[in-house]
Amino acid sequence: MKRFFLENSSSMNLLLENHKNNGFSLVEMLVTMGLISIVGATALSLKDFVNKETDQQTNEIEMTIERLGANKVIHRDIALSELTFNFLNLPDDKGLSLFAFTPGPECRGSGCSRTKTLEIASGQIKSEPVYFILKKGKPEESLKLNIDPFSVYKTDKNFGGINWKKNIDTNLSISKTSDNYYSPWEKSRIVVLSSEMNFYDCATQSHQKNSQCLIDCEDCSKSVKRPLKFLGKVSNDETDLESLDLGKEIALKNMILSTYDLCRPNGAQTCTLKVGSASVINSSQEFYSKLPFIPGGDNSTFITPVIIVKYYIQKESPESAPKFNKLVREVATFDGKYLAFNSPKILMSGIQSLTFSRKNISSAQIEYKIKKVK
C-alpha cells in the first residue's frame, strides 16, 4: 500500500512538472479568455447601470432643488401681490379679469373662478406673460407712508405736489413714520398712491341691468368697489409723483385700470348718483382732484413702494424640444426714462406650463401649478 501511494505520488509530480514545462493548452487559454471577457462585460454593464442611475438621481435632485427655489419665489410674489387686484385687468384663459376681486357676498355665478395658463403655443418661442405689482421695501422701510390729502395743496388752494413743502417744512424723503420706519420717498422710486377707502366704481362693472350699474349682485364678473390708485415714480426733485413711461410694454400699459367712474348707490342699490364724471387718473393731481371727501370717513391716502414683475415661459427657437423650455421671471427697471424688462432670471427649465388659478373672485387667494415636461 505504501509502495502504491509512493508510485502514484511520483506520477502526479511528473505530470505537474510536464505541465509546467509545456504551458497551458489552447483549450485552457480559450476558456480563461472567455471567462475574463464575461467578467469584464458584466463589470462594464454594471458600471454603465450605476452611472445612469447616478445621473438620473442627480438630475432628480437638481430638479427638486430647482422646483423648490421656483416655488419659493412664486409663493413669495403671490403673497405680496395685494395691490395687483382690481388694478391690472389681465385676461384669463376665458377673457375674464384674472385679478378681479369682489369682497363681500361670495360670487355664485358661472364666471366666478379664474384660470390663467402660461404655455408656449405651436410655432412660438414665448408664452403670454403674467404681471404682478408687488409690495417691496428696503430693510426698516415703511410699506405704507401716510399722506394727508390736504397737505398736497398750497395756501392758495392750488395743487402743490405730494412733497412740495420739502424746502420749507416737512420733507418726506428724510422723515420717519410713526412706527420709526424709514420713508420710501426717494427719486425714481416706483410707488403706488392709494386711497384708504374703497369707492363704488362703475368703470370696472360689467354686470348691468337696464343700463344701470348694480352694486349688489351675486354673479358680478368684475369688482364694483375699489380704492383709487395711481402708479408712478418719485420725481427727480422729490416734490411729486410722475407718470411711468412704459415704453414698449404696451400690453402692461393697456392692463392698468386707470379710469374711474365713481358713484354713490341709492336705495335700490344702483349706481345712479355719479360723483363727478368718468376720468382717467394719470397724475397725482388728478388723483387728489378725483378723490371724494366722505364726512366721517377715513379720507387719508398713502404710498407703497412696489416693483413690477413678469412671468413667462420661453425657448430658444420654435424647433427647440420642450425639455429646453425655461420659466423666466423679470423685474422692471428703468432703461433711461423708460420702464423695461431687461434682466431675465431663469427659475426652472423643462417647463410645460405654469397655471395661476382662483377658485372664487370673492377671495384674494391665488393658487399655482407647475407642470414639468415628461
Protein backbone atom coordinates (compact mmCIF):
# COMPACT_ATOMS: atom_id res chain seq x y z
CA MET A 1 0.00 0.00 0.00
CA LYS A 2 2.79 2.35 0.86
CA ARG A 3 4.53 1.45 -2.35
CA PHE A 4 1.36 2.18 -4.38
CA PHE A 5 1.00 5.61 -2.81
CA LEU A 6 4.59 6.50 -3.49
CA GLU A 7 4.30 5.37 -7.07
CA ASN A 8 1.16 7.41 -7.68
CA SER A 9 2.68 10.47 -6.00
CA SER A 10 5.66 10.23 -8.23
CA SER A 11 3.40 10.03 -11.29
CA MET A 12 1.41 13.11 -10.21
CA ASN A 13 4.58 15.12 -9.65
CA LEU A 14 5.77 14.12 -13.07
CA LEU A 15 2.51 15.29 -14.70
CA LEU A 16 2.69 18.65 -12.91
CA GLU A 17 6.30 19.02 -13.91
CA ASN A 18 5.41 18.28 -17.52
CA HIS A 19 2.53 20.81 -17.37
CA LYS A 20 4.91 23.49 -16.16
CA ASN A 21 7.33 22.74 -18.89
CA ASN A 22 4.71 22.59 -21.68
CA GLY A 23 2.50 25.65 -20.59
CA PHE A 24 -1.33 25.92 -20.89
CA SER A 25 -3.13 24.20 -23.67
CA LEU A 26 -5.10 26.17 -26.30
CA VAL A 27 -8.39 24.99 -24.85
CA GLU A 28 -7.44 26.19 -21.41
CA MET A 29 -6.42 29.59 -22.72
CA LEU A 30 -9.67 29.98 -24.67
CA VAL A 31 -11.72 29.05 -21.62
CA THR A 32 -9.77 31.52 -19.49
CA MET A 33 -10.16 34.35 -22.03
CA GLY A 34 -13.87 33.64 -22.28
CA LEU A 35 -14.28 33.87 -18.54
CA ILE A 36 -12.32 37.14 -18.46
CA SER A 37 -14.50 38.59 -21.24
CA ILE A 38 -17.69 37.65 -19.43
CA VAL A 39 -16.48 39.15 -16.17
CA GLY A 40 -15.30 42.33 -17.95
CA ALA A 41 -18.56 42.76 -19.85
CA THR A 42 -20.52 42.26 -16.66
CA ALA A 43 -18.39 44.85 -14.90
CA LEU A 44 -18.83 47.38 -17.71
CA SER A 45 -22.59 46.81 -17.80
CA LEU A 46 -22.76 47.26 -14.05
CA LYS A 47 -20.70 50.47 -14.32
CA ASP A 48 -22.98 51.87 -17.04
CA PHE A 49 -26.04 50.98 -14.99
CA VAL A 50 -24.60 52.64 -11.88
CA ASN A 51 -23.61 55.75 -13.88
CA LYS A 52 -27.09 56.03 -15.41
CA GLU A 53 -28.75 55.62 -12.04
CA THR A 54 -26.39 58.18 -10.52
CA ASP A 55 -27.05 60.67 -13.33
CA GLN A 56 -30.79 60.16 -13.02
CA GLN A 57 -30.70 60.66 -9.26
CA THR A 58 -28.50 63.75 -9.70
CA ASN A 59 -30.94 65.19 -12.23
CA GLU A 60 -33.87 64.45 -9.95
CA ILE A 61 -32.10 66.15 -7.04
CA GLU A 62 -31.26 69.18 -9.20
CA MET A 63 -34.86 69.35 -10.45
CA THR A 64 -36.14 69.14 -6.89
CA ILE A 65 -33.83 71.94 -5.77
CA GLU A 66 -34.83 73.97 -8.82
CA ARG A 67 -38.52 73.37 -8.18
CA LEU A 68 -38.20 74.29 -4.50
CA GLY A 69 -36.42 77.50 -5.45
CA ALA A 70 -39.05 78.41 -8.05
CA ASN A 71 -41.89 77.57 -5.66
CA LYS A 72 -40.38 79.81 -3.01
CA VAL A 73 -40.13 82.77 -5.39
CA ILE A 74 -43.64 82.34 -6.85
CA HIS A 75 -45.19 81.82 -3.42
CA ARG A 76 -43.50 84.98 -2.10
CA ASP A 77 -44.62 87.05 -5.10
CA ILE A 78 -48.22 85.94 -4.74
CA ALA A 79 -48.16 86.83 -1.04
CA LEU A 80 -47.04 90.38 -1.91
CA SER A 81 -49.44 90.93 -4.85
CA GLU A 82 -52.27 92.65 -2.98
CA LEU A 83 -52.00 95.90 -4.98
CA THR A 84 -52.46 94.00 -8.26
CA PHE A 85 -56.12 93.22 -7.52
CA ASN A 86 -58.66 95.48 -9.22
CA PHE A 87 -55.80 97.46 -10.75
CA LEU A 88 -54.44 95.20 -13.52
CA ASN A 89 -57.05 93.96 -15.97
CA LEU A 90 -55.15 90.87 -17.12
CA PRO A 91 -57.42 88.47 -19.07
CA ASP A 92 -57.51 84.83 -18.03
CA ASP A 93 -57.99 81.84 -20.37
CA LYS A 94 -61.66 82.79 -20.86
CA GLY A 95 -61.07 86.51 -21.23
CA LEU A 96 -62.22 87.32 -17.69
CA SER A 97 -60.18 89.58 -15.43
CA LEU A 98 -57.69 87.40 -13.53
CA PHE A 99 -57.28 89.92 -10.71
CA ALA A 100 -60.92 90.93 -10.25
CA PHE A 101 -61.73 90.94 -6.54
CA THR A 102 -65.26 91.26 -5.14
CA PRO A 103 -65.08 91.07 -1.35
CA GLY A 104 -68.36 90.56 0.44
CA PRO A 105 -71.03 88.03 -0.50
CA GLU A 106 -69.48 85.05 -2.27
CA CYS A 107 -69.75 85.07 -6.04
CA ARG A 108 -72.14 82.25 -7.10
CA GLY A 109 -72.45 82.71 -10.83
CA SER A 110 -70.82 80.87 -13.70
CA GLY A 111 -67.95 83.32 -14.05
CA CYS A 112 -66.64 83.26 -10.50
CA SER A 113 -63.43 81.28 -11.00
CA ARG A 114 -60.29 82.28 -12.85
CA THR A 115 -57.53 80.32 -14.61
CA LYS A 116 -54.52 81.68 -16.48
CA THR A 117 -52.18 79.17 -18.15
CA LEU A 118 -48.73 80.10 -19.39
CA GLU A 119 -47.75 77.72 -22.19
CA ILE A 120 -45.87 78.17 -25.44
CA ALA A 121 -48.18 77.89 -28.43
CA SER A 122 -47.17 75.93 -31.52
CA GLY A 123 -44.67 77.83 -33.66
CA GLN A 124 -43.93 80.37 -30.91
CA ILE A 125 -40.91 80.82 -28.65
CA LYS A 126 -42.61 82.61 -25.76
CA SER A 127 -45.86 82.28 -23.81
CA GLU A 128 -48.15 85.13 -22.86
CA PRO A 129 -46.93 86.95 -19.72
CA VAL A 130 -48.45 87.42 -16.30
CA TYR A 131 -47.66 90.64 -14.42
CA PHE A 132 -47.74 91.33 -10.69
CA ILE A 133 -47.42 94.61 -8.78
CA LEU A 134 -45.65 93.68 -5.54
CA LYS A 135 -45.03 95.48 -2.29
CA LYS A 136 -41.27 95.81 -2.00
CA GLY A 137 -39.49 97.80 0.66
CA LYS A 138 -35.94 98.08 1.88
CA PRO A 139 -34.91 97.00 5.41
CA GLU A 140 -36.65 99.07 8.07
CA GLU A 141 -38.64 100.92 5.42
CA SER A 142 -42.33 101.68 5.63
CA LEU A 143 -44.63 99.89 3.21
CA LYS A 144 -47.38 102.39 3.98
CA LEU A 145 -46.40 106.05 4.20
CA ASN A 146 -49.47 108.11 5.05
CA ILE A 147 -50.12 111.29 3.07
CA ASP A 148 -52.56 113.92 4.33
CA PRO A 149 -54.70 114.81 1.30
CA PHE A 150 -54.92 118.42 2.48
CA SER A 151 -51.13 118.75 2.66
CA VAL A 152 -50.72 118.48 -1.13
CA TYR A 153 -52.44 121.86 -1.64
CA LYS A 154 -50.87 125.26 -1.11
CA THR A 155 -52.41 128.04 0.94
CA ASP A 156 -53.95 129.47 -2.23
CA LYS A 157 -55.71 126.07 -2.68
CA ASN A 158 -53.70 125.26 -5.79
CA PHE A 159 -52.13 121.84 -6.07
CA GLY A 160 -48.50 121.89 -5.00
CA GLY A 161 -47.43 118.25 -5.07
CA ILE A 162 -47.13 115.46 -2.52
CA ASN A 163 -43.81 116.75 -1.19
CA TRP A 164 -43.91 120.40 -2.28
CA LYS A 165 -43.03 121.52 1.27
CA LYS A 166 -39.65 119.75 1.22
CA ASN A 167 -37.70 123.02 1.40
CA ILE A 168 -39.95 124.92 3.78
CA ASP A 169 -41.45 122.37 6.13
CA THR A 170 -41.63 118.57 6.24
CA ASN A 171 -39.52 116.61 3.76
CA LEU A 172 -40.92 113.14 3.11
CA SER A 173 -37.60 111.86 1.78
CA ILE A 174 -35.87 112.10 5.17
CA SER A 175 -38.80 111.58 7.52
CA LYS A 176 -39.71 108.53 9.52
CA THR A 177 -43.16 107.12 10.10
CA SER A 178 -44.83 106.99 13.49
CA ASP A 179 -43.51 103.43 13.83
CA ASN A 180 -39.96 104.74 13.31
CA TYR A 181 -39.63 103.19 9.84
CA TYR A 182 -37.77 104.95 7.08
CA SER A 183 -39.62 106.73 4.30
CA PRO A 184 -39.66 105.11 0.83
CA TRP A 185 -39.85 108.56 -0.79
CA GLU A 186 -36.73 108.92 -2.96
CA LYS A 187 -36.21 109.91 -6.59
CA SER A 188 -37.09 107.41 -9.32
CA ARG A 189 -38.71 105.09 -6.78
CA ILE A 190 -41.79 103.29 -8.14
CA VAL A 191 -44.74 103.63 -5.78
CA VAL A 192 -48.50 103.22 -5.74
CA LEU A 193 -50.54 106.11 -4.39
CA SER A 194 -53.78 104.78 -2.94
CA SER A 195 -56.84 105.91 -1.02
CA GLU A 196 -57.61 104.30 2.30
CA MET A 197 -61.30 103.96 1.46
CA ASN A 198 -62.91 101.87 -1.28
CA PHE A 199 -65.40 103.50 -3.63
CA TYR A 200 -68.12 102.17 -5.89
CA ASP A 201 -66.76 102.30 -9.41
CA CYS A 202 -68.91 101.61 -12.46
CA ALA A 203 -65.88 101.73 -14.73
CA THR A 204 -64.97 98.21 -13.61
CA GLN A 205 -68.51 96.87 -13.57
CA SER A 206 -69.54 94.57 -16.42
CA HIS A 207 -72.78 93.28 -14.89
CA GLN A 208 -75.51 95.80 -15.66
CA LYS A 209 -79.27 95.77 -15.78
CA ASN A 210 -81.37 98.31 -17.70
CA SER A 211 -78.16 100.26 -18.37
CA GLN A 212 -77.66 100.71 -14.64
CA CYS A 213 -74.55 99.82 -12.71
CA LEU A 214 -75.57 97.35 -9.99
CA ILE A 215 -73.87 97.44 -6.62
CA ASP A 216 -75.07 94.21 -5.05
CA CYS A 217 -75.04 91.18 -7.35
CA GLU A 218 -74.05 87.56 -6.94
CA ASP A 219 -72.59 86.99 -10.39
CA CYS A 220 -70.57 90.16 -10.95
CA SER A 221 -67.61 89.31 -13.14
CA LYS A 222 -65.68 92.39 -12.03
CA SER A 223 -65.40 94.41 -8.88
CA VAL A 224 -67.64 97.39 -8.28
CA LYS A 225 -65.76 98.69 -5.26
CA ARG A 226 -62.08 99.55 -5.09
CA PRO A 227 -59.69 102.25 -3.84
CA LEU A 228 -58.34 104.98 -6.06
CA LYS A 229 -54.80 104.16 -7.22
CA PHE A 230 -52.07 105.82 -9.21
CA LEU A 231 -48.88 104.02 -10.26
CA GLY A 232 -45.99 106.45 -10.62
CA LYS A 233 -42.42 107.27 -9.72
CA VAL A 234 -40.95 109.91 -7.43
CA SER A 235 -39.72 112.87 -9.47
CA ASN A 236 -36.02 113.76 -9.57
CA ASP A 237 -36.59 116.82 -7.39
CA GLU A 238 -38.65 114.64 -5.00
CA THR A 239 -41.55 117.12 -4.90
CA ASP A 240 -44.20 114.91 -6.52
CA LEU A 241 -45.02 111.74 -8.43
CA GLU A 242 -44.63 111.39 -12.20
CA SER A 243 -46.36 109.02 -14.59
CA LEU A 244 -44.44 105.90 -15.56
CA ASP A 245 -43.31 105.74 -19.16
CA LEU A 246 -43.80 102.06 -20.01
CA GLY A 247 -42.09 102.36 -23.38
CA LYS A 248 -42.58 99.15 -25.36
CA GLU A 249 -44.62 97.45 -22.61
CA ILE A 250 -47.88 98.28 -24.38
CA ALA A 251 -49.64 95.18 -23.02
CA LEU A 252 -48.96 96.20 -19.43
CA LYS A 253 -49.97 99.80 -20.12
CA ASN A 254 -53.32 98.67 -21.51
CA MET A 255 -53.96 96.48 -18.46
CA ILE A 256 -53.76 99.26 -15.88
CA LEU A 257 -57.26 100.22 -14.76
CA SER A 258 -56.73 103.97 -14.51
CA THR A 259 -60.29 105.02 -15.47
CA TYR A 260 -62.70 105.69 -12.60
CA ASP A 261 -66.44 106.35 -12.70
CA LEU A 262 -67.38 106.73 -9.05
CA CYS A 263 -70.89 106.77 -7.69
CA ARG A 264 -73.00 106.72 -4.55
CA PRO A 265 -75.55 103.87 -4.50
CA ASN A 266 -79.20 104.73 -4.00
CA GLY A 267 -81.80 102.75 -2.06
CA ALA A 268 -82.23 100.30 -4.93
CA GLN A 269 -78.52 99.56 -4.83
CA THR A 270 -77.94 101.01 -8.29
CA CYS A 271 -75.18 103.44 -9.10
CA THR A 272 -77.27 106.31 -10.46
CA LEU A 273 -75.76 109.09 -8.34
CA LYS A 274 -72.42 109.76 -10.03
CA VAL A 275 -69.57 111.55 -8.24
CA GLY A 276 -68.33 113.81 -11.00
CA SER A 277 -67.67 112.38 -14.44
CA ALA A 278 -65.64 109.38 -15.52
CA SER A 279 -61.96 110.28 -15.80
CA VAL A 280 -58.52 108.77 -16.19
CA ILE A 281 -56.03 109.21 -13.35
CA ASN A 282 -52.58 109.73 -14.82
CA SER A 283 -51.09 112.03 -12.22
CA SER A 284 -51.16 112.69 -8.50
CA GLN A 285 -53.01 115.95 -9.16
CA GLU A 286 -55.78 114.06 -10.99
CA PHE A 287 -55.80 111.52 -8.17
CA TYR A 288 -56.47 114.12 -5.47
CA SER A 289 -58.93 116.13 -7.58
CA LYS A 290 -60.94 112.92 -8.17
CA LEU A 291 -60.73 111.73 -4.55
CA PRO A 292 -64.16 112.08 -2.88
CA PHE A 293 -64.36 113.59 0.57
CA ILE A 294 -66.63 111.49 2.78
CA PRO A 295 -67.66 113.25 6.03
CA GLY A 296 -66.83 110.97 8.93
CA GLY A 297 -64.88 108.58 6.70
CA ASP A 298 -61.19 107.81 6.56
CA ASN A 299 -60.12 110.19 3.80
CA SER A 300 -56.41 109.57 4.20
CA THR A 301 -54.11 108.40 1.43
CA PHE A 302 -50.80 106.58 1.42
CA ILE A 303 -47.95 105.46 -0.82
CA THR A 304 -46.44 101.98 -1.03
CA PRO A 305 -43.08 101.16 -2.65
CA VAL A 306 -43.51 98.49 -5.31
CA ILE A 307 -41.82 96.51 -8.03
CA ILE A 308 -43.42 95.12 -11.18
CA VAL A 309 -42.57 91.54 -12.16
CA LYS A 310 -43.36 89.49 -15.23
CA TYR A 311 -43.54 85.70 -15.62
CA TYR A 312 -43.41 83.80 -18.91
CA ILE A 313 -42.11 80.58 -20.46
CA GLN A 314 -39.54 80.79 -23.25
CA LYS A 315 -37.40 78.60 -25.51
CA GLU A 316 -34.57 79.34 -27.95
CA SER A 317 -36.43 78.60 -31.20
CA PRO A 318 -39.76 77.15 -32.38
CA GLU A 319 -37.95 73.88 -33.14
CA SER A 320 -36.42 73.54 -29.67
CA ALA A 321 -37.57 70.50 -27.71
CA PRO A 322 -39.96 71.20 -24.80
CA LYS A 323 -37.33 69.95 -22.35
CA PHE A 324 -35.45 73.20 -23.04
CA ASN A 325 -38.42 75.42 -22.08
CA LYS A 326 -37.46 77.90 -19.35
CA LEU A 327 -39.63 79.61 -16.75
CA VAL A 328 -38.48 83.23 -16.62
CA ARG A 329 -39.09 85.98 -14.05
CA GLU A 330 -38.21 89.60 -14.78
CA VAL A 331 -38.30 92.73 -12.63
CA ALA A 332 -38.97 96.04 -14.37
CA THR A 333 -36.13 98.57 -14.23
CA PHE A 334 -35.54 101.93 -15.85
CA ASP A 335 -33.85 101.91 -19.24
CA GLY A 336 -33.19 105.61 -19.50
CA LYS A 337 -36.58 107.20 -18.96
CA TYR A 338 -38.50 104.07 -19.94
CA LEU A 339 -39.58 101.25 -17.67
CA ALA A 340 -38.50 97.96 -19.24
CA PHE A 341 -37.91 94.28 -18.51
CA ASN A 342 -34.26 93.73 -19.42
CA SER A 343 -32.98 91.36 -16.72
CA PRO A 344 -34.49 87.87 -17.17
CA LYS A 345 -33.86 85.33 -14.42
CA ILE A 346 -34.42 81.65 -15.16
CA LEU A 347 -36.27 79.91 -12.34
CA MET A 348 -36.69 76.45 -13.87
CA SER A 349 -36.08 74.53 -17.07
CA GLY A 350 -38.09 71.76 -18.71
CA ILE A 351 -41.40 73.57 -18.02
CA GLN A 352 -44.52 72.53 -19.89
CA SER A 353 -46.83 75.09 -18.30
CA LEU A 354 -47.45 77.35 -15.30
CA THR A 355 -51.07 77.83 -14.26
CA PHE A 356 -52.41 80.51 -11.90
CA SER A 357 -55.94 79.90 -10.64
CA ARG A 358 -58.53 81.36 -8.29
CA LYS A 359 -61.48 79.32 -7.09
CA ASN A 360 -63.63 82.37 -6.45
CA ILE A 361 -63.14 86.08 -7.10
CA SER A 362 -64.65 86.83 -3.68
CA SER A 363 -61.34 85.59 -2.26
CA ALA A 364 -57.93 87.10 -2.94
CA GLN A 365 -56.29 83.68 -2.79
CA ILE A 366 -54.21 82.67 -5.82
CA GLU A 367 -53.04 79.11 -6.41
CA TYR A 368 -50.50 77.94 -8.95
CA LYS A 369 -49.35 74.69 -10.53
CA ILE A 370 -46.09 73.93 -12.34
CA LYS A 371 -46.20 71.18 -14.97
CA LYS A 372 -42.86 69.71 -15.97
CA VAL A 373 -42.11 68.17 -19.35
CA LYS A 374 -42.36 64.38 -19.12
